[in-house]
Amino acid sequence: MTHNAIPESEKRRIGITKSLIRLSVGIESVADLLTDLGQALNSMYSKTR
């Protein structure tokens, strides 16, 4: 179920905020996932500076 189907009051109650990052991962190695996530976050951070 996607969070779009959940009423705003319920989202607040269970901690779903606009700044929440949802990750769906498969069988990749943890090191690869952390590297990819770090690169993505660094890219986002550098664009906001």
N, C-alpha and C. Protein backbone atom coordinates (compact mmCIF):
# COMPACT_ATOMS: atom_id res chain seq x y z
N MET A 1 0.85 -1.18 0.00
CA MET A 1 0.00 0.00 0.00
C MET A 1 0.89 1.24 0.00
N THR A 2 0.56 2.18 -0.80
CA THR A 2 1.31 3.43 -0.83
C THR A 2 0.77 4.38 0.23
N HIS A 3 1.61 5.29 0.65
CA HIS A 3 1.20 6.25 1.67
C HIS A 3 0.18 7.26 1.15
N ASN A 4 0.02 7.36 -0.15
CA ASN A 4 -0.95 8.31 -0.70
C ASN A 4 -2.38 7.95 -0.33
N ALA A 5 -2.64 6.69 -0.06
CA ALA A 5 -3.99 6.24 0.27
C ALA A 5 -4.33 6.43 1.75
N ILE A 6 -3.36 6.88 2.53
CA ILE A 6 -3.56 7.03 3.98
C ILE A 6 -3.96 8.47 4.29
N PRO A 7 -5.01 8.68 5.08
CA PRO A 7 -5.41 10.05 5.44
C PRO A 7 -4.28 10.78 6.19
N GLU A 8 -4.23 12.10 6.03
CA GLU A 8 -3.18 12.91 6.66
C GLU A 8 -3.08 12.68 8.16
N SER A 9 -4.22 12.59 8.84
CA SER A 9 -4.20 12.41 10.30
C SER A 9 -3.54 11.08 10.67
N GLU A 10 -3.78 10.05 9.90
CA GLU A 10 -3.17 8.74 10.16
C GLU A 10 -1.68 8.78 9.85
N LYS A 11 -1.30 9.47 8.78
CA LYS A 11 0.13 9.61 8.45
C LYS A 11 0.88 10.26 9.60
N ARG A 12 0.31 11.33 10.13
CA ARG A 12 0.95 12.01 11.27
C ARG A 12 1.07 11.07 12.46
N ARG A 13 0.01 10.31 12.72
CA ARG A 13 -0.01 9.41 13.87
C ARG A 13 1.07 8.34 13.79
N ILE A 14 1.32 7.84 12.59
CA ILE A 14 2.30 6.77 12.44
C ILE A 14 3.68 7.26 11.99
N GLY A 15 3.85 8.57 11.89
CA GLY A 15 5.17 9.14 11.63
C GLY A 15 5.57 9.28 10.18
N ILE A 16 4.61 9.26 9.28
CA ILE A 16 4.92 9.47 7.87
C ILE A 16 4.89 10.97 7.61
N THR A 17 6.05 11.54 7.32
CA THR A 17 6.16 12.97 7.07
C THR A 17 6.61 13.22 5.64
N LYS A 18 6.56 14.48 5.22
CA LYS A 18 6.99 14.82 3.87
C LYS A 18 8.49 14.63 3.70
N SER A 19 9.24 14.58 4.80
CA SER A 19 10.69 14.39 4.70
C SER A 19 11.11 12.93 4.84
N LEU A 20 10.15 12.04 4.99
CA LEU A 20 10.45 10.61 5.12
C LEU A 20 11.00 10.08 3.80
N ILE A 21 12.06 9.31 3.90
CA ILE A 21 12.62 8.65 2.73
C ILE A 21 12.33 7.16 2.87
N ARG A 22 11.61 6.63 1.92
CA ARG A 22 11.25 5.20 1.94
C ARG A 22 12.18 4.46 0.99
N LEU A 23 12.80 3.41 1.49
CA LEU A 23 13.70 2.62 0.67
C LEU A 23 13.11 1.23 0.46
N SER A 24 13.14 0.80 -0.76
CA SER A 24 12.74 -0.56 -1.09
C SER A 24 13.97 -1.21 -1.72
N VAL A 25 14.52 -2.20 -1.04
CA VAL A 25 15.77 -2.80 -1.51
C VAL A 25 15.57 -4.29 -1.78
N GLY A 26 16.44 -4.81 -2.58
CA GLY A 26 16.37 -6.22 -2.93
C GLY A 26 17.54 -6.98 -2.34
N ILE A 27 18.26 -7.67 -3.21
CA ILE A 27 19.33 -8.53 -2.73
C ILE A 27 20.72 -7.93 -2.94
N GLU A 28 20.79 -6.63 -3.19
CA GLU A 28 22.08 -5.97 -3.36
C GLU A 28 22.89 -6.08 -2.07
N SER A 29 24.19 -5.95 -2.20
CA SER A 29 25.02 -5.99 -1.00
C SER A 29 24.79 -4.72 -0.19
N VAL A 30 24.95 -4.84 1.11
CA VAL A 30 24.76 -3.70 2.00
C VAL A 30 25.73 -2.58 1.64
N ALA A 31 26.97 -2.94 1.34
CA ALA A 31 27.97 -1.93 0.98
C ALA A 31 27.55 -1.15 -0.26
N ASP A 32 27.03 -1.84 -1.27
CA ASP A 32 26.56 -1.16 -2.49
C ASP A 32 25.40 -0.23 -2.19
N LEU A 33 24.46 -0.68 -1.37
CA LEU A 33 23.31 0.15 -1.01
C LEU A 33 23.75 1.40 -0.27
N LEU A 34 24.66 1.24 0.69
CA LEU A 34 25.13 2.40 1.46
C LEU A 34 25.89 3.38 0.57
N THR A 35 26.68 2.86 -0.35
CA THR A 35 27.40 3.73 -1.28
C THR A 35 26.43 4.51 -2.15
N ASP A 36 25.46 3.81 -2.73
CA ASP A 36 24.46 4.47 -3.59
C ASP A 36 23.66 5.51 -2.82
N LEU A 37 23.23 5.16 -1.62
CA LEU A 37 22.45 6.09 -0.81
C LEU A 37 23.29 7.31 -0.44
N GLY A 38 24.53 7.09 -0.06
CA GLY A 38 25.43 8.20 0.26
C GLY A 38 25.63 9.14 -0.91
N GLN A 39 25.82 8.58 -2.09
CA GLN A 39 26.00 9.40 -3.29
C GLN A 39 24.74 10.22 -3.59
N ALA A 40 23.59 9.60 -3.45
CA ALA A 40 22.33 10.30 -3.72
C ALA A 40 22.11 11.44 -2.73
N LEU A 41 22.34 11.16 -1.45
CA LEU A 41 22.15 12.20 -0.44
C LEU A 41 23.16 13.32 -0.60
N ASN A 42 24.41 12.99 -0.91
CA ASN A 42 25.42 14.03 -1.14
C ASN A 42 25.05 14.89 -2.34
N SER A 43 24.52 14.28 -3.38
CA SER A 43 24.10 15.03 -4.56
C SER A 43 22.96 15.99 -4.21
N MET A 44 22.00 15.50 -3.44
CA MET A 44 20.88 16.36 -3.02
C MET A 44 21.38 17.50 -2.15
N TYR A 45 22.29 17.20 -1.22
CA TYR A 45 22.81 18.21 -0.30
C TYR A 45 23.58 19.29 -1.06
N SER A 46 24.40 18.87 -2.02
CA SER A 46 25.20 19.85 -2.75
C SER A 46 24.33 20.77 -3.61
N LYS A 47 23.17 20.29 -4.04
CA LYS A 47 22.27 21.12 -4.85
C LYS A 47 21.51 22.14 -4.01
N THR A 48 21.45 21.92 -2.69
CA THR A 48 20.71 22.86 -1.83
C THR A 48 21.62 23.91 -1.23
N ARG A 49 22.89 23.83 -1.49
CA ARG A 49 23.84 24.78 -0.90
C ARG A 49 24.04 25.97 -1.77
